[in-house]
Amino acid sequence: MTLARLLFVRHGQTDYNAEGRMQGHLDSHLTELGLNQARAIGPTLAEQGPNLLISSDLSRAARTADEIGQACGLPVKLDPRLRETDLGEWQGLTVAEVGERWPGALDTWRADSSWAPPGGESRVTVAARAIPLVDELEREYAADPPTTVLLCSHGGVIAALVCALLGFDPVHWTAIGGLENACWASLRRRQRPGSKWRLTGYNLGVDR
């Protein structure tokens, strides 16, 4: 068997989330609510039986992964390829501030997965940097029993990666929104020709 299941979880609420600011590669931190969210989701994810836990190296994801790892009995491996979308000049700004400085640009960004904020990354670029991690996992576990890997990351990265793994045309990627804080998604390997993966859950959470 091989890599049989991928679980994706978004970090808990951050100070920037609470203020309505765009984070990107900025290293924001979990609020008390965000830390509690991470602790609450841990037992639920432990029930899914992950064999490996990998996190973005940004502290909001890594801290969330630490809490989840305690519940799952797993160490956390950090990988910068799971970082959030680089939002370039938009990082640290509120949505209102971006709208004032770049009129119409937010609508373009939300509608076109190939469009990037000034100095930043597009969704397509984000998926292209994250997909090699999944490829490496497939090779590493090719001869192993069915393996479940849990990836702790960010809303934009998870949405882009899920769309890419499902084989969606980038034209349609914007139909999949980002996960809410401390919510998770699940992909299972398909045993038939075509796309390797099947979506089995999205935006799941302890209160859902």
C-alpha atoms as a PDB file:
ATOM      1  CA  MET A   1       0.000   0.000   0.000  1.00  0.00           C
ATOM      2  CA  THR A   2       1.003   3.646   0.147  1.00  0.00           C
ATOM      3  CA  LEU A   3      -0.089   7.046   1.296  1.00  0.00           C
ATOM      4  CA  ALA A   4      -3.791   6.347   1.725  1.00  0.00           C
ATOM      5  CA  ARG A   5      -5.200   9.459   3.368  1.00  0.00           C
ATOM      6  CA  LEU A   6      -4.331  13.126   3.742  1.00  0.00           C
ATOM      7  CA  LEU A   7      -5.789  15.268   6.519  1.00  0.00           C
ATOM      8  CA  PHE A   8      -5.455  19.047   6.419  1.00  0.00           C
ATOM      9  CA  VAL A   9      -6.072  21.280   9.434  1.00  0.00           C
ATOM     10  CA  ARG A  10      -5.927  25.059   9.586  1.00  0.00           C
ATOM     11  CA  HIS A  11      -4.313  26.800  12.541  1.00  0.00           C
ATOM     12  CA  GLY A  12      -6.390  28.337  15.334  1.00  0.00           C
ATOM     13  CA  GLN A  13      -7.409  31.979  15.499  1.00  0.00           C
ATOM     14  CA  THR A  14      -4.560  34.515  15.497  1.00  0.00           C
ATOM     15  CA  ASP A  15      -4.227  38.110  16.599  1.00  0.00           C
ATOM     16  CA  TYR A  16      -4.340  39.101  12.912  1.00  0.00           C
ATOM     17  CA  ASN A  17      -7.502  37.041  12.348  1.00  0.00           C
ATOM     18  CA  ALA A  18      -9.124  38.820  15.265  1.00  0.00           C
ATOM     19  CA  GLU A  19      -8.135  42.218  13.831  1.00  0.00           C
ATOM     20  CA  GLY A  20      -9.185  41.367  10.279  1.00  0.00           C
ATOM     21  CA  ARG A  21      -5.638  41.714   8.932  1.00  0.00           C
ATOM     22  CA  MET A  22      -4.096  39.757   6.064  1.00  0.00           C
ATOM     23  CA  GLN A  23      -1.273  37.539   7.292  1.00  0.00           C
ATOM     24  CA  GLY A  24       0.495  35.745   4.470  1.00  0.00           C
ATOM     25  CA  HIS A  25       4.096  35.064   5.498  1.00  0.00           C
ATOM     26  CA  LEU A  26       3.944  37.405   8.498  1.00  0.00           C
ATOM     27  CA  ASP A  27       4.448  35.430  11.703  1.00  0.00           C
ATOM     28  CA  SER A  28       1.278  36.216  13.635  1.00  0.00           C
ATOM     29  CA  HIS A  29       0.439  34.398  16.872  1.00  0.00           C
ATOM     30  CA  LEU A  30      -2.445  32.427  18.306  1.00  0.00           C
ATOM     31  CA  THR A  31      -4.910  34.200  20.545  1.00  0.00           C
ATOM     32  CA  GLU A  32      -6.167  32.508  23.697  1.00  0.00           C
ATOM     33  CA  LEU A  33      -9.200  31.427  21.682  1.00  0.00           C
ATOM     34  CA  GLY A  34      -6.937  30.068  18.955  1.00  0.00           C
ATOM     35  CA  LEU A  35      -4.942  28.033  21.454  1.00  0.00           C
ATOM     36  CA  ASN A  36      -8.143  26.620  22.914  1.00  0.00           C
ATOM     37  CA  GLN A  37      -9.334  25.764  19.401  1.00  0.00           C
ATOM     38  CA  ALA A  38      -6.123  23.834  18.762  1.00  0.00           C
ATOM     39  CA  ARG A  39      -6.521  21.930  22.002  1.00  0.00           C
ATOM     40  CA  ALA A  40     -10.161  21.156  21.254  1.00  0.00           C
ATOM     41  CA  ILE A  41      -9.546  19.776  17.748  1.00  0.00           C
ATOM     42  CA  GLY A  42      -6.658  17.521  18.855  1.00  0.00           C
ATOM     43  CA  PRO A  43      -8.724  14.574  20.174  1.00  0.00           C
ATOM     44  CA  THR A  44     -10.954  14.645  17.086  1.00  0.00           C
ATOM     45  CA  LEU A  45      -7.939  14.400  14.791  1.00  0.00           C
ATOM     46  CA  ALA A  46      -6.349  11.730  16.981  1.00  0.00           C
ATOM     47  CA  GLU A  47      -9.423   9.583  16.298  1.00  0.00           C
ATOM     48  CA  GLN A  48      -8.522   9.685  12.593  1.00  0.00           C
ATOM     49  CA  GLY A  49      -5.339   7.720  13.325  1.00  0.00           C
ATOM     50  CA  PRO A  50      -2.642   9.875  11.714  1.00  0.00           C
ATOM     51  CA  ASN A  51       0.783   8.280  11.382  1.00  0.00           C
ATOM     52  CA  LEU A  52       2.726  11.475  10.672  1.00  0.00           C
ATOM     53  CA  LEU A  53       2.230  15.176  11.494  1.00  0.00           C
ATOM     54  CA  ILE A  54       3.815  17.897   9.355  1.00  0.00           C
ATOM     55  CA  SER A  55       3.295  21.615   9.863  1.00  0.00           C
ATOM     56  CA  SER A  56       4.055  24.935   8.257  1.00  0.00           C
ATOM     57  CA  ASP A  57       6.983  26.552  10.027  1.00  0.00           C
ATOM     58  CA  LEU A  58       5.029  29.758  10.718  1.00  0.00           C
ATOM     59  CA  SER A  59       4.385  29.891  14.460  1.00  0.00           C
ATOM     60  CA  ARG A  60       0.579  30.022  14.279  1.00  0.00           C
ATOM     61  CA  ALA A  61       0.544  26.659  12.504  1.00  0.00           C
ATOM     62  CA  ALA A  62       3.452  25.149  14.426  1.00  0.00           C
ATOM     63  CA  ARG A  63       1.853  26.046  17.775  1.00  0.00           C
ATOM     64  CA  THR A  64      -1.441  24.541  16.635  1.00  0.00           C
ATOM     65  CA  ALA A  65       0.406  21.411  15.499  1.00  0.00           C
ATOM     66  CA  ASP A  66       2.149  21.110  18.870  1.00  0.00           C
ATOM     67  CA  GLU A  67      -1.221  20.916  20.624  1.00  0.00           C
ATOM     68  CA  ILE A  68      -2.571  18.433  18.084  1.00  0.00           C
ATOM     69  CA  GLY A  69       0.608  16.379  18.297  1.00  0.00           C
ATOM     70  CA  GLN A  70       0.173  15.985  22.057  1.00  0.00           C
ATOM     71  CA  ALA A  71      -3.311  14.582  21.503  1.00  0.00           C
ATOM     72  CA  CYS A  72      -2.140  12.283  18.708  1.00  0.00           C
ATOM     73  CA  GLY A  73       1.097  11.184  20.357  1.00  0.00           C
ATOM     74  CA  LEU A  74       3.095  12.422  17.374  1.00  0.00           C
ATOM     75  CA  PRO A  75       6.136  14.695  17.003  1.00  0.00           C
ATOM     76  CA  VAL A  76       5.789  17.675  14.650  1.00  0.00           C
ATOM     77  CA  LYS A  77       7.940  17.994  11.545  1.00  0.00           C
ATOM     78  CA  LEU A  78       8.150  21.531  10.123  1.00  0.00           C
ATOM     79  CA  ASP A  79       8.149  22.214   6.394  1.00  0.00           C
ATOM     80  CA  PRO A  80       8.194  25.755   4.897  1.00  0.00           C
ATOM     81  CA  ARG A  81       6.394  24.529   1.776  1.00  0.00           C
ATOM     82  CA  LEU A  82       3.209  24.534   3.859  1.00  0.00           C
ATOM     83  CA  ARG A  83       3.464  28.274   4.562  1.00  0.00           C
ATOM     84  CA  GLU A  84       0.512  30.491   3.767  1.00  0.00           C
ATOM     85  CA  THR A  85       0.299  32.350   0.471  1.00  0.00           C
ATOM     86  CA  ASP A  86       2.792  35.195   0.281  1.00  0.00           C
ATOM     87  CA  LEU A  87       0.504  38.226  -0.010  1.00  0.00           C
ATOM     88  CA  GLY A  88       3.301  40.631  -0.838  1.00  0.00           C
ATOM     89  CA  GLU A  89       2.389  44.275  -0.266  1.00  0.00           C
ATOM     90  CA  TRP A  90      -0.979  43.317   1.211  1.00  0.00           C
ATOM     91  CA  GLN A  91       0.481  41.619   4.264  1.00  0.00           C
ATOM     92  CA  GLY A  92      -0.437  43.303   7.520  1.00  0.00           C
ATOM     93  CA  LEU A  93      -3.236  45.356   5.963  1.00  0.00           C
ATOM     94  CA  THR A  94      -6.954  45.055   6.580  1.00  0.00           C
ATOM     95  CA  VAL A  95      -9.277  44.159   3.713  1.00  0.00           C
ATOM     96  CA  ALA A  96     -10.568  47.734   3.770  1.00  0.00           C
ATOM     97  CA  GLU A  97      -7.044  49.121   3.459  1.00  0.00           C
ATOM     98  CA  VAL A  98      -6.281  46.843   0.508  1.00  0.00           C
ATOM     99  CA  GLY A  99      -9.525  47.939  -1.158  1.00  0.00           C
ATOM    100  CA  GLU A 100      -8.614  51.595  -0.755  1.00  0.00           C
ATOM    101  CA  ARG A 101      -5.076  51.254  -2.109  1.00  0.00           C
ATOM    102  CA  TRP A 102      -5.788  48.744  -4.892  1.00  0.00           C
ATOM    103  CA  PRO A 103      -9.393  49.329  -6.046  1.00  0.00           C
ATOM    104  CA  GLY A 104     -10.897  46.190  -7.587  1.00  0.00           C
ATOM    105  CA  ALA A 105      -7.805  44.052  -6.934  1.00  0.00           C
ATOM    106  CA  LEU A 106      -9.430  41.941  -4.200  1.00  0.00           C
ATOM    107  CA  ASP A 107     -12.242  40.931  -6.568  1.00  0.00           C
ATOM    108  CA  THR A 108      -9.676  39.964  -9.206  1.00  0.00           C
ATOM    109  CA  TRP A 109      -7.690  37.930  -6.699  1.00  0.00           C
ATOM    110  CA  ARG A 110     -10.779  36.110  -5.461  1.00  0.00           C
ATOM    111  CA  ALA A 111     -11.897  35.276  -9.000  1.00  0.00           C
ATOM    112  CA  ASP A 112      -8.602  34.285 -10.662  1.00  0.00           C
ATOM    113  CA  SER A 113      -6.345  31.595  -9.167  1.00  0.00           C
ATOM    114  CA  SER A 114      -3.472  32.603 -11.433  1.00  0.00           C
ATOM    115  CA  TRP A 115      -3.470  36.236 -10.250  1.00  0.00           C
ATOM    116  CA  ALA A 116      -1.100  37.302  -7.462  1.00  0.00           C
ATOM    117  CA  PRO A 117      -1.136  40.335  -5.164  1.00  0.00           C
ATOM    118  CA  PRO A 118       1.705  42.785  -5.873  1.00  0.00           C
ATOM    119  CA  GLY A 119       4.940  41.116  -4.778  1.00  0.00           C
ATOM    120  CA  GLY A 120       3.100  37.953  -3.717  1.00  0.00           C
ATOM    121  CA  GLU A 121       2.036  34.500  -4.907  1.00  0.00           C
ATOM    122  CA  SER A 122      -0.968  33.203  -6.825  1.00  0.00           C
ATOM    123  CA  ARG A 123      -2.922  30.117  -5.729  1.00  0.00           C
ATOM    124  CA  VAL A 124      -1.396  28.208  -8.627  1.00  0.00           C
ATOM    125  CA  THR A 125       2.115  29.106  -7.444  1.00  0.00           C
ATOM    126  CA  VAL A 126       1.270  28.079  -3.887  1.00  0.00           C
ATOM    127  CA  ALA A 127       0.045  24.666  -5.027  1.00  0.00           C
ATOM    128  CA  ALA A 128       3.160  24.206  -7.158  1.00  0.00           C
ATOM    129  CA  ARG A 129       5.428  24.650  -4.119  1.00  0.00           C
ATOM    130  CA  ALA A 130       3.339  22.370  -1.879  1.00  0.00           C
ATOM    131  CA  ILE A 131       2.672  19.467  -4.280  1.00  0.00           C
ATOM    132  CA  PRO A 132       6.303  18.218  -4.137  1.00  0.00           C
ATOM    133  CA  LEU A 133       5.823  17.524  -0.427  1.00  0.00           C
ATOM    134  CA  VAL A 134       2.941  15.171  -1.218  1.00  0.00           C
ATOM    135  CA  ASP A 135       5.014  13.566  -3.986  1.00  0.00           C
ATOM    136  CA  GLU A 136       7.809  12.914  -1.491  1.00  0.00           C
ATOM    137  CA  LEU A 137       5.362  11.338   0.959  1.00  0.00           C
ATOM    138  CA  GLU A 138       4.024   9.072  -1.777  1.00  0.00           C
ATOM    139  CA  ARG A 139       7.524   7.838  -2.511  1.00  0.00           C
ATOM    140  CA  GLU A 140       8.465   7.475   1.152  1.00  0.00           C
ATOM    141  CA  TYR A 141       5.435   5.345   2.003  1.00  0.00           C
ATOM    142  CA  ALA A 142       5.099   3.464  -1.281  1.00  0.00           C
ATOM    143  CA  ALA A 143       5.945   0.113   0.315  1.00  0.00           C
ATOM    144  CA  ASP A 144       4.228   0.734   3.660  1.00  0.00           C
ATOM    145  CA  PRO A 145       0.783  -0.262   4.995  1.00  0.00           C
ATOM    146  CA  PRO A 146      -1.978   2.326   4.478  1.00  0.00           C
ATOM    147  CA  THR A 147      -0.624   5.567   5.902  1.00  0.00           C
ATOM    148  CA  THR A 148      -2.455   8.722   7.033  1.00  0.00           C
ATOM    149  CA  VAL A 149      -0.570  12.024   7.065  1.00  0.00           C
ATOM    150  CA  LEU A 150      -1.852  15.127   8.858  1.00  0.00           C
ATOM    151  CA  LEU A 151      -0.752  18.493   7.464  1.00  0.00           C
ATOM    152  CA  CYS A 152      -1.205  21.575   9.666  1.00  0.00           C
ATOM    153  CA  SER A 153      -1.241  24.652   7.495  1.00  0.00           C
ATOM    154  CA  HIS A 154      -3.201  27.715   6.384  1.00  0.00           C
ATOM    155  CA  GLY A 155      -6.486  28.447   4.632  1.00  0.00           C
ATOM    156  CA  GLY A 156      -5.098  29.530   1.284  1.00  0.00           C
ATOM    157  CA  VAL A 157      -2.531  26.758   1.001  1.00  0.00           C
ATOM    158  CA  ILE A 158      -4.991  24.031   1.952  1.00  0.00           C
ATOM    159  CA  ALA A 159      -7.622  25.213  -0.538  1.00  0.00           C
ATOM    160  CA  ALA A 160      -5.083  25.396  -3.367  1.00  0.00           C
ATOM    161  CA  LEU A 161      -3.513  22.041  -2.530  1.00  0.00           C
ATOM    162  CA  VAL A 162      -6.861  20.253  -2.281  1.00  0.00           C
ATOM    163  CA  CYS A 163      -7.944  21.635  -5.669  1.00  0.00           C
ATOM    164  CA  ALA A 164      -4.650  20.629  -7.279  1.00  0.00           C
ATOM    165  CA  LEU A 165      -4.703  17.102  -5.827  1.00  0.00           C
ATOM    166  CA  LEU A 166      -8.284  16.595  -7.013  1.00  0.00           C
ATOM    167  CA  GLY A 167      -7.225  17.571 -10.517  1.00  0.00           C
ATOM    168  CA  PHE A 168      -9.496  20.609 -10.807  1.00  0.00           C
ATOM    169  CA  ASP A 169      -8.876  23.102 -13.587  1.00  0.00           C
ATOM    170  CA  PRO A 170      -7.432  26.252 -11.946  1.00  0.00           C
ATOM    171  CA  VAL A 171     -10.304  28.180 -13.495  1.00  0.00           C
ATOM    172  CA  HIS A 172     -12.552  26.546 -10.882  1.00  0.00           C
ATOM    173  CA  TRP A 173     -10.257  26.714  -7.841  1.00  0.00           C
ATOM    174  CA  THR A 174     -11.926  29.807  -6.415  1.00  0.00           C
ATOM    175  CA  ALA A 175     -15.105  27.750  -5.878  1.00  0.00           C
ATOM    176  CA  ILE A 176     -13.335  26.145  -2.889  1.00  0.00           C
ATOM    177  CA  GLY A 177     -12.990  28.563   0.028  1.00  0.00           C
ATOM    178  CA  GLY A 178     -10.457  28.442   2.819  1.00  0.00           C
ATOM    179  CA  LEU A 179     -11.072  26.431   5.972  1.00  0.00           C
ATOM    180  CA  GLU A 180     -12.192  28.234   9.095  1.00  0.00           C
ATOM    181  CA  ASN A 181      -9.797  28.373  12.036  1.00  0.00           C
ATOM    182  CA  ALA A 182      -9.039  24.931  13.515  1.00  0.00           C
ATOM    183  CA  CYS A 183     -11.222  23.147  10.978  1.00  0.00           C
ATOM    184  CA  TRP A 184     -10.055  20.269   8.814  1.00  0.00           C
ATOM    185  CA  ALA A 185     -10.447  18.455   5.511  1.00  0.00           C
ATOM    186  CA  SER A 186      -9.886  14.884   4.357  1.00  0.00           C
ATOM    187  CA  LEU A 187      -8.759  13.270   1.095  1.00  0.00           C
ATOM    188  CA  ARG A 188      -8.686   9.502   0.499  1.00  0.00           C
ATOM    189  CA  ARG A 189      -6.806   7.700  -2.235  1.00  0.00           C
ATOM    190  CA  ARG A 190      -8.943   6.401  -5.087  1.00  0.00           C
ATOM    191  CA  GLN A 191      -8.461   2.858  -6.341  1.00  0.00           C
ATOM    192  CA  ARG A 192      -9.456   3.593  -9.923  1.00  0.00           C
ATOM    193  CA  PRO A 193      -8.046   5.458 -12.942  1.00  0.00           C
ATOM    194  CA  GLY A 194      -8.263   9.234 -13.053  1.00  0.00           C
ATOM    195  CA  SER A 195      -7.694  11.531 -10.104  1.00  0.00           C
ATOM    196  CA  LYS A 196      -5.702   9.856  -7.315  1.00  0.00           C
ATOM    197  CA  TRP A 197      -7.756  11.486  -4.586  1.00  0.00           C
ATOM    198  CA  ARG A 198     -11.370  11.791  -3.450  1.00  0.00           C
ATOM    199  CA  LEU A 199     -12.611  14.540  -1.131  1.00  0.00           C
ATOM    200  CA  THR A 200     -14.292  12.942   1.908  1.00  0.00           C
ATOM    201  CA  GLY A 201     -14.747  15.987   4.135  1.00  0.00           C
ATOM    202  CA  TYR A 202     -14.169  19.736   4.104  1.00  0.00           C
ATOM    203  CA  ASN A 203     -14.369  22.465   6.754  1.00  0.00           C
ATOM    204  CA  LEU A 204     -15.047  19.930   9.482  1.00  0.00           C
ATOM    205  CA  GLY A 205     -14.754  20.964  13.117  1.00  0.00           C
ATOM    206  CA  VAL A 206     -15.531  19.949  16.669  1.00  0.00           C
ATOM    207  CA  ASP A 207     -18.695  22.074  16.722  1.00  0.00           C
ATOM    208  CA  ARG A 208     -19.978  20.947  13.334  1.00  0.00           C
END
